[in-house]
Amino acid sequence: QILAIDLGTETIPALALGVERPEGDVMKAPPRRRDERLVDKAV
């Protein structure tokens, strides 16, 4: 069942990422600050 859960929960989001349209201005955004954490309290 753990393998089935992994296959069931990873396949659909992976397919969605594959067909998602790219953001047009993602390269225009400034990089995050060095002291800014990727995983913060809100996440």
Full PDB file with SEQRES, HELIX, SHEET, SSBOND, CRYST1, ORIGX, SCALE, CONECT and MASTER records, all heavy atoms in Angstrom:
SEQRES   1 A   43  GLN ILE LEU ALA ILE ASP LEU GLY THR GLU THR ILE PRO          
SEQRES   2 A   43  ALA LEU ALA LEU GLY VAL GLU ARG PRO GLU GLY ASP VAL          
SEQRES   3 A   43  MET LYS ALA PRO PRO ARG ARG ARG ASP GLU ARG LEU VAL          
SEQRES   4 A   43  ASP LYS ALA VAL                                              
HELIX    1 AA1 ILE A    2  VAL A   19  1                                  18    
HELIX    2 AA2 VAL A   26  LYS A   28  5                                   3    
CRYST1    1.000    1.000    1.000  90.00  90.00  90.00 P 1           1          
ORIGX1      1.000000  0.000000  0.000000        0.00000                         
ORIGX2      0.000000  1.000000  0.000000        0.00000                         
ORIGX3      0.000000  0.000000  1.000000        0.00000                         
SCALE1      1.000000  0.000000  0.000000        0.00000                         
SCALE2      0.000000  1.000000  0.000000        0.00000                         
SCALE3      0.000000  0.000000  1.000000        0.00000                         
ATOM      1  N   GLN A   1       0.819  -1.207   0.000  1.00  0.00           N  
ATOM      2  CA  GLN A   1       0.000   0.000   0.000  1.00  0.00           C  
ATOM      3  C   GLN A   1       0.856   1.261   0.000  1.00  0.00           C  
ATOM      4  O   GLN A   1       0.471   2.261  -0.598  1.00  0.00           O  
ATOM      5  CB  GLN A   1      -0.951   0.010   1.185  1.00  0.00           C  
ATOM      6  CG  GLN A   1      -2.158  -0.866   0.979  1.00  0.00           C  
ATOM      7  CD  GLN A   1      -3.167  -0.735   2.106  1.00  0.00           C  
ATOM      8  OE1 GLN A   1      -2.834  -0.283   3.191  1.00  0.00           O  
ATOM      9  NE2 GLN A   1      -4.392  -1.135   1.834  1.00  0.00           N  
ATOM     10  N   ILE A   2       2.001   1.227   0.650  1.00  0.00           N  
ATOM     11  CA  ILE A   2       2.879   2.399   0.650  1.00  0.00           C  
ATOM     12  C   ILE A   2       3.361   2.681  -0.768  1.00  0.00           C  
ATOM     13  O   ILE A   2       3.402   3.842  -1.207  1.00  0.00           O  
ATOM     14  CB  ILE A   2       4.058   2.194   1.621  1.00  0.00           C  
ATOM     15  CG1 ILE A   2       3.540   2.193   3.058  1.00  0.00           C  
ATOM     16  CG2 ILE A   2       5.114   3.274   1.430  1.00  0.00           C  
ATOM     17  CD1 ILE A   2       4.568   1.856   4.089  1.00  0.00           C  
ATOM     18  N   LEU A   3       3.706   1.655  -1.515  1.00  0.00           N  
ATOM     19  CA  LEU A   3       4.105   1.834  -2.901  1.00  0.00           C  
ATOM     20  C   LEU A   3       2.945   2.379  -3.729  1.00  0.00           C  
ATOM     21  O   LEU A   3       3.130   3.281  -4.550  1.00  0.00           O  
ATOM     22  CB  LEU A   3       4.607   0.520  -3.490  1.00  0.00           C  
ATOM     23  CG  LEU A   3       5.027   0.563  -4.958  1.00  0.00           C  
ATOM     24  CD1 LEU A   3       6.170   1.560  -5.149  1.00  0.00           C  
ATOM     25  CD2 LEU A   3       5.419  -0.814  -5.432  1.00  0.00           C  
ATOM     26  N   ALA A   4       1.750   1.858  -3.502  1.00  0.00           N  
ATOM     27  CA  ALA A   4       0.573   2.344  -4.238  1.00  0.00           C  
ATOM     28  C   ALA A   4       0.271   3.798  -3.889  1.00  0.00           C  
ATOM     29  O   ALA A   4      -0.113   4.580  -4.758  1.00  0.00           O  
ATOM     30  CB  ALA A   4      -0.629   1.454  -3.929  1.00  0.00           C  
ATOM     31  N   ILE A   5       0.440   4.178  -2.621  1.00  0.00           N  
ATOM     32  CA  ILE A   5       0.235   5.578  -2.226  1.00  0.00           C  
ATOM     33  C   ILE A   5       1.252   6.459  -2.932  1.00  0.00           C  
ATOM     34  O   ILE A   5       0.922   7.527  -3.460  1.00  0.00           O  
ATOM     35  CB  ILE A   5       0.334   5.737  -0.692  1.00  0.00           C  
ATOM     36  CG1 ILE A   5      -0.900   5.137  -0.022  1.00  0.00           C  
ATOM     37  CG2 ILE A   5       0.482   7.205  -0.301  1.00  0.00           C  
ATOM     38  CD1 ILE A   5      -0.796   5.038   1.476  1.00  0.00           C  
ATOM     39  N   ASP A   6       2.498   6.019  -2.971  1.00  0.00           N  
ATOM     40  CA  ASP A   6       3.536   6.795  -3.644  1.00  0.00           C  
ATOM     41  C   ASP A   6       3.213   6.968  -5.123  1.00  0.00           C  
ATOM     42  O   ASP A   6       3.303   8.074  -5.666  1.00  0.00           O  
ATOM     43  CB  ASP A   6       4.890   6.122  -3.462  1.00  0.00           C  
ATOM     44  CG  ASP A   6       6.016   6.984  -3.979  1.00  0.00           C  
ATOM     45  OD1 ASP A   6       5.993   8.208  -3.727  1.00  0.00           O  
ATOM     46  OD2 ASP A   6       6.922   6.440  -4.635  1.00  0.00           O  
ATOM     47  N   LEU A   7       2.823   5.906  -5.784  1.00  0.00           N  
ATOM     48  CA  LEU A   7       2.475   6.002  -7.204  1.00  0.00           C  
ATOM     49  C   LEU A   7       1.233   6.865  -7.421  1.00  0.00           C  
ATOM     50  O   LEU A   7       1.173   7.654  -8.358  1.00  0.00           O  
ATOM     51  CB  LEU A   7       2.246   4.605  -7.787  1.00  0.00           C  
ATOM     52  CG  LEU A   7       3.491   3.753  -7.964  1.00  0.00           C  
ATOM     53  CD1 LEU A   7       3.107   2.339  -8.368  1.00  0.00           C  
ATOM     54  CD2 LEU A   7       4.417   4.369  -8.979  1.00  0.00           C  
ATOM     55  N   GLY A   8       0.254   6.734  -6.532  1.00  0.00           N  
ATOM     56  CA  GLY A   8      -0.981   7.502  -6.678  1.00  0.00           C  
ATOM     57  C   GLY A   8      -0.805   8.977  -6.409  1.00  0.00           C  
ATOM     58  O   GLY A   8      -1.453   9.818  -7.031  1.00  0.00           O  
ATOM     59  N   THR A   9       0.088   9.320  -5.475  1.00  0.00           N  
ATOM     60  CA  THR A   9       0.238  10.726  -5.106  1.00  0.00           C  
ATOM     61  C   THR A   9       1.326  11.437  -5.903  1.00  0.00           C  
ATOM     62  O   THR A   9       1.371  12.665  -5.894  1.00  0.00           O  
ATOM     63  CB  THR A   9       0.548  10.878  -3.609  1.00  0.00           C  
ATOM     64  OG1 THR A   9       1.748  10.176  -3.308  1.00  0.00           O  
ATOM     65  CG2 THR A   9      -0.579  10.349  -2.758  1.00  0.00           C  
ATOM     66  N   GLU A  10       2.185  10.722  -6.564  1.00  0.00           N  
ATOM     67  CA  GLU A  10       3.257  11.368  -7.324  1.00  0.00           C  
ATOM     68  C   GLU A  10       2.953  11.474  -8.809  1.00  0.00           C  
ATOM     69  O   GLU A  10       3.434  12.384  -9.476  1.00  0.00           O  
ATOM     70  CB  GLU A  10       4.577  10.602  -7.130  1.00  0.00           C  
ATOM     71  CG  GLU A  10       5.062  10.562  -5.714  1.00  0.00           C  
ATOM     72  CD  GLU A  10       5.427  11.925  -5.168  1.00  0.00           C  
ATOM     73  OE1 GLU A  10       5.883  12.782  -5.942  1.00  0.00           O  
ATOM     74  OE2 GLU A  10       5.248  12.133  -3.957  1.00  0.00           O  
ATOM     75  N   THR A  11       2.163  10.574  -9.346  1.00  0.00           N  
ATOM     76  CA  THR A  11       1.939  10.534 -10.784  1.00  0.00           C  
ATOM     77  C   THR A  11       1.133  11.726 -11.282  1.00  0.00           C  
ATOM     78  O   THR A  11       1.545  12.405 -12.226  1.00  0.00           O  
ATOM     79  CB  THR A  11       1.227   9.221 -11.163  1.00  0.00           C  
ATOM     80  OG1 THR A  11       2.000   8.131 -10.684  1.00  0.00           O  
ATOM     81  CG2 THR A  11       1.063   9.105 -12.659  1.00  0.00           C  
ATOM     82  N   ILE A  12       0.001  11.999 -10.667  1.00  0.00           N  
ATOM     83  CA  ILE A  12      -0.865  13.082 -11.147  1.00  0.00           C  
ATOM     84  C   ILE A  12      -0.199  14.452 -11.011  1.00  0.00           C  
ATOM     85  O   ILE A  12      -0.207  15.233 -11.965  1.00  0.00           O  
ATOM     86  CB  ILE A  12      -2.238  13.018 -10.457  1.00  0.00           C  
ATOM     87  CG1 ILE A  12      -2.955  11.746 -10.915  1.00  0.00           C  
ATOM     88  CG2 ILE A  12      -3.074  14.252 -10.775  1.00  0.00           C  
ATOM     89  CD1 ILE A  12      -4.256  11.473 -10.225  1.00  0.00           C  
ATOM     90  N   PRO A  13       0.408  14.794  -9.857  1.00  0.00           N  
ATOM     91  CA  PRO A  13       1.103  16.086  -9.804  1.00  0.00           C  
ATOM     92  C   PRO A  13       2.264  16.183 -10.800  1.00  0.00           C  
ATOM     93  O   PRO A  13       2.511  17.252 -11.361  1.00  0.00           O  
ATOM     94  CB  PRO A  13       1.620  16.168  -8.369  1.00  0.00           C  
ATOM     95  CG  PRO A  13       0.712  15.293  -7.598  1.00  0.00           C  
ATOM     96  CD  PRO A  13       0.348  14.174  -8.532  1.00  0.00           C  
ATOM     97  N   ALA A  14       2.967  15.095 -11.051  1.00  0.00           N  
ATOM     98  CA  ALA A  14       4.059  15.126 -12.022  1.00  0.00           C  
ATOM     99  C   ALA A  14       3.525  15.385 -13.427  1.00  0.00           C  
ATOM    100  O   ALA A  14       4.112  16.147 -14.194  1.00  0.00           O  
ATOM    101  CB  ALA A  14       4.837  13.815 -11.979  1.00  0.00           C  
ATOM    102  N   LEU A  15       2.405  14.772 -13.762  1.00  0.00           N  
ATOM    103  CA  LEU A  15       1.794  15.028 -15.062  1.00  0.00           C  
ATOM    104  C   LEU A  15       1.325  16.475 -15.165  1.00  0.00           C  
ATOM    105  O   LEU A  15       1.453  17.112 -16.212  1.00  0.00           O  
ATOM    106  CB  LEU A  15       0.615  14.076 -15.295  1.00  0.00           C  
ATOM    107  CG  LEU A  15       0.976  12.617 -15.513  1.00  0.00           C  
ATOM    108  CD1 LEU A  15      -0.280  11.759 -15.545  1.00  0.00           C  
ATOM    109  CD2 LEU A  15       1.766  12.448 -16.795  1.00  0.00           C  
ATOM    110  N   ALA A  16       0.780  17.001 -14.082  1.00  0.00           N  
ATOM    111  CA  ALA A  16       0.322  18.394 -14.079  1.00  0.00           C  
ATOM    112  C   ALA A  16       1.499  19.345 -14.282  1.00  0.00           C  
ATOM    113  O   ALA A  16       1.386  20.339 -15.015  1.00  0.00           O  
ATOM    114  CB  ALA A  16      -0.393  18.707 -12.775  1.00  0.00           C  
ATOM    115  N   LEU A  17       2.631  19.067 -13.654  1.00  0.00           N  
ATOM    116  CA  LEU A  17       3.809  19.912 -13.848  1.00  0.00           C  
ATOM    117  C   LEU A  17       4.314  19.851 -15.284  1.00  0.00           C  
ATOM    118  O   LEU A  17       4.815  20.833 -15.823  1.00  0.00           O  
ATOM    119  CB  LEU A  17       4.929  19.489 -12.895  1.00  0.00           C  
ATOM    120  CG  LEU A  17       4.783  19.920 -11.450  1.00  0.00           C  
ATOM    121  CD1 LEU A  17       5.889  19.301 -10.609  1.00  0.00           C  
ATOM    122  CD2 LEU A  17       4.792  21.428 -11.316  1.00  0.00           C  
ATOM    123  N   GLY A  18       4.163  18.708 -15.898  1.00  0.00           N  
ATOM    124  CA  GLY A  18       4.635  18.542 -17.268  1.00  0.00           C  
ATOM    125  C   GLY A  18       3.844  19.327 -18.288  1.00  0.00           C  
ATOM    126  O   GLY A  18       4.370  19.702 -19.332  1.00  0.00           O  
ATOM    127  N   VAL A  19       2.574  19.591 -18.019  1.00  0.00           N  
ATOM    128  CA  VAL A  19       1.739  20.310 -18.981  1.00  0.00           C  
ATOM    129  C   VAL A  19       1.441  21.743 -18.547  1.00  0.00           C  
ATOM    130  O   VAL A  19       0.752  22.463 -19.250  1.00  0.00           O  
ATOM    131  CB  VAL A  19       0.409  19.561 -19.233  1.00  0.00           C  
ATOM    132  CG1 VAL A  19       0.674  18.195 -19.844  1.00  0.00           C  
ATOM    133  CG2 VAL A  19      -0.399  19.435 -17.964  1.00  0.00           C  
ATOM    134  N   GLU A  20       1.979  22.157 -17.402  1.00  0.00           N  
ATOM    135  CA  GLU A  20       1.731  23.513 -16.918  1.00  0.00           C  
ATOM    136  C   GLU A  20       2.431  24.530 -17.811  1.00  0.00           C  
ATOM    137  O   GLU A  20       3.579  24.346 -18.206  1.00  0.00           O  
ATOM    138  CB  GLU A  20       2.242  23.643 -15.473  1.00  0.00           C  
ATOM    139  CG  GLU A  20       1.950  24.987 -14.861  1.00  0.00           C  
ATOM    140  CD  GLU A  20       2.447  25.063 -13.424  1.00  0.00           C  
ATOM    141  OE1 GLU A  20       3.405  24.344 -13.092  1.00  0.00           O  
ATOM    142  OE2 GLU A  20       1.886  25.839 -12.662  1.00  0.00           O  
ATOM    143  N   ARG A  21       1.742  25.615 -18.093  1.00  0.00           N  
ATOM    144  CA  ARG A  21       2.339  26.682 -18.904  1.00  0.00           C  
ATOM    145  C   ARG A  21       3.392  27.416 -18.081  1.00  0.00           C  
ATOM    146  O   ARG A  21       3.181  27.686 -16.907  1.00  0.00           O  
ATOM    147  CB  ARG A  21       1.276  27.659 -19.353  1.00  0.00           C  
ATOM    148  CG  ARG A  21       0.272  27.040 -20.305  1.00  0.00           C  
ATOM    149  CD  ARG A  21      -0.636  28.135 -20.870  1.00  0.00           C  
ATOM    150  NE  ARG A  21      -1.675  27.579 -21.691  1.00  0.00           N  
ATOM    151  CZ  ARG A  21      -1.547  27.328 -22.990  1.00  0.00           C  
ATOM    152  NH1 ARG A  21      -0.396  27.573 -23.585  1.00  0.00           N  
ATOM    153  NH2 ARG A  21      -2.537  26.825 -23.676  1.00  0.00           N  
ATOM    154  N   PRO A  22       4.508  27.759 -18.696  1.00  0.00           N  
ATOM    155  CA  PRO A  22       5.550  28.477 -17.946  1.00  0.00           C  
ATOM    156  C   PRO A  22       5.125  29.914 -17.656  1.00  0.00           C  
ATOM    157  O   PRO A  22       4.346  30.506 -18.400  1.00  0.00           O  
ATOM    158  CB  PRO A  22       6.749  28.439 -18.892  1.00  0.00           C  
ATOM    159  CG  PRO A  22       6.172  28.244 -20.246  1.00  0.00           C  
ATOM    160  CD  PRO A  22       4.902  27.474 -20.066  1.00  0.00           C  
ATOM    161  N   GLU A  23       5.636  30.438 -16.567  1.00  0.00           N  
ATOM    162  CA  GLU A  23       5.383  31.832 -16.238  1.00  0.00           C  
ATOM    163  C   GLU A  23       6.248  32.692 -17.140  1.00  0.00           C  
ATOM    164  O   GLU A  23       7.454  32.462 -17.266  1.00  0.00           O  
ATOM    165  CB  GLU A  23       5.698  32.098 -14.770  1.00  0.00           C  
ATOM    166  CG  GLU A  23       4.801  31.349 -13.819  1.00  0.00           C  
ATOM    167  CD  GLU A  23       5.163  31.588 -12.367  1.00  0.00           C  
ATOM    168  OE1 GLU A  23       5.845  32.584 -12.069  1.00  0.00           O  
ATOM    169  OE2 GLU A  23       4.762  30.770 -11.538  1.00  0.00           O  
ATOM    170  N   GLY A  24       5.661  33.704 -17.739  1.00  0.00           N  
ATOM    171  CA  GLY A  24       6.374  34.525 -18.702  1.00  0.00           C  
ATOM    172  C   GLY A  24       7.446  35.413 -18.109  1.00  0.00           C  
ATOM    173  O   GLY A  24       8.447  35.710 -18.754  1.00  0.00           O  
ATOM    174  N   ASP A  25       7.274  35.853 -16.872  1.00  0.00           N  
ATOM    175  CA  ASP A  25       8.203  36.818 -16.287  1.00  0.00           C  
ATOM    176  C   ASP A  25       9.049  36.235 -15.157  1.00  0.00           C  
ATOM    177  O   ASP A  25       9.621  36.979 -14.376  1.00  0.00           O  
ATOM    178  CB  ASP A  25       7.432  38.023 -15.772  1.00  0.00           C  
ATOM    179  CG  ASP A  25       6.424  37.657 -14.704  1.00  0.00           C  
ATOM    180  OD1 ASP A  25       6.138  36.457 -14.542  1.00  0.00           O  
ATOM    181  OD2 ASP A  25       5.931  38.570 -14.017  1.00  0.00           O  
ATOM    182  N   VAL A  26       9.186  34.937 -15.089  1.00  0.00           N  
ATOM    183  CA  VAL A  26       9.909  34.326 -13.980  1.00  0.00           C  
ATOM    184  C   VAL A  26      11.395  34.713 -13.993  1.00  0.00           C  
ATOM    185  O   VAL A  26      12.010  34.863 -12.942  1.00  0.00           O  
ATOM    186  CB  VAL A  26       9.718  32.791 -13.970  1.00  0.00           C  
ATOM    187  CG1 VAL A  26      10.472  32.131 -15.114  1.00  0.00           C  
ATOM    188  CG2 VAL A  26      10.157  32.210 -12.646  1.00  0.00           C  
ATOM    189  N   MET A  27      11.969  34.918 -15.165  1.00  0.00           N  
ATOM    190  CA  MET A  27      13.383  35.277 -15.245  1.00  0.00           C  
ATOM    191  C   MET A  27      13.619  36.752 -14.945  1.00  0.00           C  
ATOM    192  O   MET A  27      14.750  37.172 -14.727  1.00  0.00           O  
ATOM    193  CB  MET A  27      13.957  34.919 -16.616  1.00  0.00           C  
ATOM    194  CG  MET A  27      13.988  33.414 -16.881  1.00  0.00           C  
ATOM    195  SD  MET A  27      14.897  32.482 -15.639  1.00  0.00           S  
ATOM    196  CE  MET A  27      16.554  32.952 -15.995  1.00  0.00           C  
ATOM    197  N   LYS A  28      12.552  37.548 -14.923  1.00  0.00           N  
ATOM    198  CA  LYS A  28      12.680  38.970 -14.619  1.00  0.00           C  
ATOM    199  C   LYS A  28      12.629  39.242 -13.117  1.00  0.00           C  
ATOM    200  O   LYS A  28      12.981  40.324 -12.665  1.00  0.00           O  
ATOM    201  CB  LYS A  28      11.574  39.762 -15.316  1.00  0.00           C  
ATOM    202  CG  LYS A  28      11.696  39.720 -16.819  1.00  0.00           C  
ATOM    203  CD  LYS A  28      10.552  40.459 -17.471  1.00  0.00           C  
ATOM    204  CE  LYS A  28      10.657  40.324 -18.992  1.00  0.00           C  
ATOM    205  NZ  LYS A  28       9.503  40.898 -19.658  1.00  0.00           N  
ATOM    206  N   ALA A  29      12.192  38.271 -12.353  1.00  0.00           N  
ATOM    207  CA  ALA A  29      12.112  38.437 -10.902  1.00  0.00           C  
ATOM    208  C   ALA A  29      13.510  38.410 -10.300  1.00  0.00           C  
ATOM    209  O   ALA A  29      14.374  37.637 -10.732  1.00  0.00           O  
ATOM    210  CB  ALA A  29      11.266  37.324 -10.286  1.00  0.00           C  
ATOM    211  N   PRO A  30      13.764  39.254  -9.310  1.00  0.00           N  
ATOM    212  CA  PRO A  30      15.093  39.244  -8.687  1.00  0.00           C  
ATOM    213  C   PRO A  30      15.288  37.973  -7.857  1.00  0.00           C  
ATOM    214  O   PRO A  30      14.319  37.379  -7.378  1.00  0.00           O  
ATOM    215  CB  PRO A  30      15.059  40.477  -7.787  1.00  0.00           C  
ATOM    216  CG  PRO A  30      13.624  40.706  -7.498  1.00  0.00           C  
ATOM    217  CD  PRO A  30      12.874  40.235  -8.717  1.00  0.00           C  
ATOM    218  N   PRO A  31      16.529  37.558  -7.684  1.00  0.00           N  
ATOM    219  CA  PRO A  31      16.775  36.375  -6.843  1.00  0.00           C  
ATOM    220  C   PRO A  31      16.438  36.681  -5.385  1.00  0.00           C  
ATOM    221  O   PRO A  31      16.414  37.832  -4.970  1.00  0.00           O  
ATOM    222  CB  PRO A  31      18.268  36.102  -7.020  1.00  0.00           C  
ATOM    223  CG  PRO A  31      18.837  37.387  -7.495  1.00  0.00           C  
ATOM    224  CD  PRO A  31      17.758  38.123  -8.219  1.00  0.00           C  
ATOM    225  N   ARG A  32      16.184  35.648  -4.628  1.00  0.00           N  
ATOM    226  CA  ARG A  32      15.883  35.876  -3.213  1.00  0.00           C  
ATOM    227  C   ARG A  32      17.170  36.238  -2.471  1.00  0.00           C  
ATOM    228  O   ARG A  32      18.284  35.912  -2.918  1.00  0.00           O  
ATOM    229  CB  ARG A  32      15.202  34.671  -2.592  1.00  0.00           C  
ATOM    230  CG  ARG A  32      15.974  33.415  -2.603  1.00  0.00           C  
ATOM    231  CD  ARG A  32      15.154  32.269  -2.012  1.00  0.00           C  
ATOM    232  NE  ARG A  32      15.769  31.007  -2.297  1.00  0.00           N  
ATOM    233  CZ  ARG A  32      16.763  30.486  -1.597  1.00  0.00           C  
ATOM    234  NH1 ARG A  32      17.214  31.107  -0.545  1.00  0.00           N  
ATOM    235  NH2 ARG A  32      17.280  29.330  -1.938  1.00  0.00           N  
ATOM    236  N   ARG A  33      17.004  36.906  -1.356  1.00  0.00           N  
ATOM    237  CA  ARG A  33      18.164  37.328  -0.566  1.00  0.00           C  
ATOM    238  C   ARG A  33      18.910  36.107  -0.016  1.00  0.00           C  
ATOM    239  O   ARG A  33      18.320  35.059   0.201  1.00  0.00           O  
ATOM    240  CB  ARG A  33      17.708  38.222   0.588  1.00  0.00           C  
ATOM    241  CG  ARG A  33      17.047  39.502   0.148  1.00  0.00           C  
ATOM    242  CD  ARG A  33      16.754  40.421   1.338  1.00  0.00           C  
ATOM    243  NE  ARG A  33      16.427  39.752   2.579  1.00  0.00           N  
ATOM    244  CZ  ARG A  33      15.187  39.518   3.016  1.00  0.00           C  
ATOM    245  NH1 ARG A  33      14.161  39.886   2.308  1.00  0.00           N  
ATOM    246  NH2 ARG A  33      14.985  38.926   4.172  1.00  0.00           N  
ATOM    247  N   ARG A  34      20.180  36.263   0.260  1.00  0.00           N  
ATOM    248  CA  ARG A  34      20.984  35.154   0.796  1.00  0.00           C  
ATOM    249  C   ARG A  34      20.495  34.702   2.166  1.00  0.00           C  
ATOM    250  O   ARG A  34      20.573  33.538   2.507  1.00  0.00           O  
ATOM    251  CB  ARG A  34      22.448  35.557   0.905  1.00  0.00           C  
ATOM    252  CG  ARG A  34      23.168  35.597  -0.396  1.00  0.00           C  
ATOM    253  CD  ARG A  34      24.647  35.899  -0.140  1.00  0.00           C  
ATOM    254  NE  ARG A  34      25.392  35.878  -1.360  1.00  0.00           N  
ATOM    255  CZ  ARG A  34      26.097  34.834  -1.776  1.00  0.00           C  
ATOM    256  NH1 ARG A  34      26.142  33.760  -1.052  1.00  0.00           N  
ATOM    257  NH2 ARG A  34      26.757  34.894  -2.903  1.00  0.00           N  
ATOM    258  N   ASP A  35      19.998  35.643   2.956  1.00  0.00           N  
ATOM    259  CA  ASP A  35      19.541  35.301   4.305  1.00  0.00           C  
ATOM    260  C   ASP A  35      18.088  34.833   4.341  1.00  0.00           C  
ATOM    261  O   ASP A  35      17.593  34.437   5.382  1.00  0.00           O  
ATOM    262  CB  ASP A  35      19.740  36.483   5.255  1.00  0.00           C  
ATOM    263  CG  ASP A  35      18.939  37.707   4.828  1.00  0.00           C  
ATOM    264  OD1 ASP A  35      18.562  37.803   3.648  1.00  0.00           O  
ATOM    265  OD2 ASP A  35      18.705  38.572   5.694  1.00  0.00           O  
ATOM    266  N   GLU A  36      17.417  34.859   3.195  1.00  0.00           N  
ATOM    267  CA  GLU A  36      16.025  34.409   3.132  1.00  0.00           C  
ATOM    268  C   GLU A  36      15.988  32.888   3.014  1.00  0.00           C  
ATOM    269  O   GLU A  36      16.622  32.289   2.159  1.00  0.00           O  
ATOM    270  CB  GLU A  36      15.337  35.039   1.915  1.00  0.00           C  
ATOM    271  CG  GLU A  36      13.879  34.714   1.801  1.00  0.00           C  
ATOM    272  CD  GLU A  36      13.247  35.358   0.569  1.00  0.00           C  
ATOM    273  OE1 GLU A  36      13.896  36.195  -0.075  1.00  0.00           O  
ATOM    274  OE2 GLU A  36      12.111  35.003   0.275  1.00  0.00           O  
ATOM    275  N   ARG A  37      15.249  32.271   3.904  1.00  0.00           N  
ATOM    276  CA  ARG A  37      15.171  30.811   3.923  1.00  0.00           C  
ATOM    277  C   ARG A  37      14.176  30.304   2.881  1.00  0.00           C  
ATOM    278  O   ARG A  37      13.163  30.943   2.621  1.00  0.00           O  
ATOM    279  CB  ARG A  37      14.755  30.318   5.294  1.00  0.00           C  
ATOM    280  CG  ARG A  37      15.804  30.599   6.347  1.00  0.00           C  
ATOM    281  CD  ARG A  37      15.333  30.042   7.676  1.00  0.00           C  
ATOM    282  NE  ARG A  37      16.353  30.208   8.670  1.00  0.00           N  
ATOM    283  CZ  ARG A  37      17.168  29.239   9.063  1.00  0.00           C  
ATOM    284  NH1 ARG A  37      17.053  28.044   8.552  1.00  0.00           N  
ATOM    285  NH2 ARG A  37      18.080  29.459   9.969  1.00  0.00           N  
ATOM    286  N   LEU A  38      14.470  29.154   2.331  1.00  0.00           N  
ATOM    287  CA  LEU A  38      13.563  28.532   1.371  1.00  0.00           C  
ATOM    288  C   LEU A  38      12.352  27.946   2.099  1.00  0.00           C  
ATOM    289  O   LEU A  38      11.226  28.025   1.627  1.00  0.00           O  
ATOM    290  CB  LEU A  38      14.297  27.445   0.591  1.00  0.00           C  
ATOM    291  CG  LEU A  38      13.573  26.835  -0.585  1.00  0.00           C  
ATOM    292  CD1 LEU A  38      13.226  27.906  -1.607  1.00  0.00           C  
ATOM    293  CD2 LEU A  38      14.423  25.763  -1.229  1.00  0.00           C  
ATOM    294  N   VAL A  39      12.609  27.357   3.257  1.00  0.00           N  
ATOM    295  CA  VAL A  39      11.541  26.814   4.101  1.00  0.00           C  
ATOM    296  C   VAL A  39      11.458  27.697   5.337  1.00  0.00           C  
ATOM    297  O   VAL A  39      12.301  27.632   6.223  1.00  0.00           O  
ATOM    298  CB  VAL A  39      11.826  25.350   4.494  1.00  0.00           C  
ATOM    299  CG1 VAL A  39      10.731  24.821   5.389  1.00  0.00           C  
ATOM    300  CG2 VAL A  39      11.981  24.478   3.266  1.00  0.00           C  
ATOM    301  N   ASP A  40      10.409  28.518   5.375  1.00  0.00           N  
ATOM    302  CA  ASP A  40      10.243  29.428   6.509  1.00  0.00           C  
ATOM    303  C   ASP A  40       9.085  28.972   7.390  1.00  0.00           C  
ATOM    304  O   ASP A  40       8.499  27.910   7.183  1.00  0.00           O  
ATOM    305  CB  ASP A  40      10.058  30.870   6.029  1.00  0.00           C  
ATOM    306  CG  ASP A  40       8.859  31.016   5.099  1.00  0.00           C  
ATOM    307  OD1 ASP A  40       8.150  30.026   4.861  1.00  0.00           O  
ATOM    308  OD2 ASP A  40       8.641  32.142   4.611  1.00  0.00           O  
ATOM    309  N   LYS A  41       8.749  29.785   8.378  1.00  0.00           N  
ATOM    310  CA  LYS A  41       7.693  29.416   9.325  1.00  0.00           C  
ATOM    311  C   LYS A  41       6.347  29.248   8.644  1.00  0.00           C  
ATOM    312  O   LYS A  41       5.577  28.354   8.999  1.00  0.00           O  
ATOM    313  CB  LYS A  41       7.595  30.452  10.434  1.00  0.00           C  
ATOM    314  CG  LYS A  41       8.766  30.443  11.366  1.00  0.00           C  
ATOM    315  CD  LYS A  41       8.639  31.514  12.425  1.00  0.00           C  
ATOM    316  CE  LYS A  41       9.880  31.552  13.291  1.00  0.00           C  
ATOM    317  NZ  LYS A  41       9.825  32.611  14.295  1.00  0.00           N  
ATOM    318  N   ALA A  42       6.053  30.076   7.649  1.00  0.00           N  
ATOM    319  CA  ALA A  42       4.770  29.978   6.949  1.00  0.00           C  
ATOM    320  C   ALA A  42       4.657  28.653   6.189  1.00  0.00           C  
ATOM    321  O   ALA A  42       3.604  28.011   6.193  1.00  0.00           O  
ATOM    322  CB  ALA A  42       4.593  31.150   5.997  1.00  0.00           C  
ATOM    323  N   VAL A  43       5.742  28.225   5.555  1.00  0.00           N  
ATOM    324  CA  VAL A  43       5.743  26.957   4.819  1.00  0.00           C  
ATOM    325  C   VAL A  43       5.592  25.786   5.792  1.00  0.00           C  
ATOM    326  O   VAL A  43       4.823  24.846   5.543  1.00  0.00           O  
ATOM    327  CB  VAL A  43       7.023  26.819   3.976  1.00  0.00           C  
ATOM    328  CG1 VAL A  43       7.145  25.426   3.382  1.00  0.00           C  
ATOM    329  CG2 VAL A  43       7.060  27.873   2.888  1.00  0.00           C  
TER     330      VAL A  43                                                      
MASTER        0    0    0    2    0    0    0    6  329    1    0    4          
END                                                                             
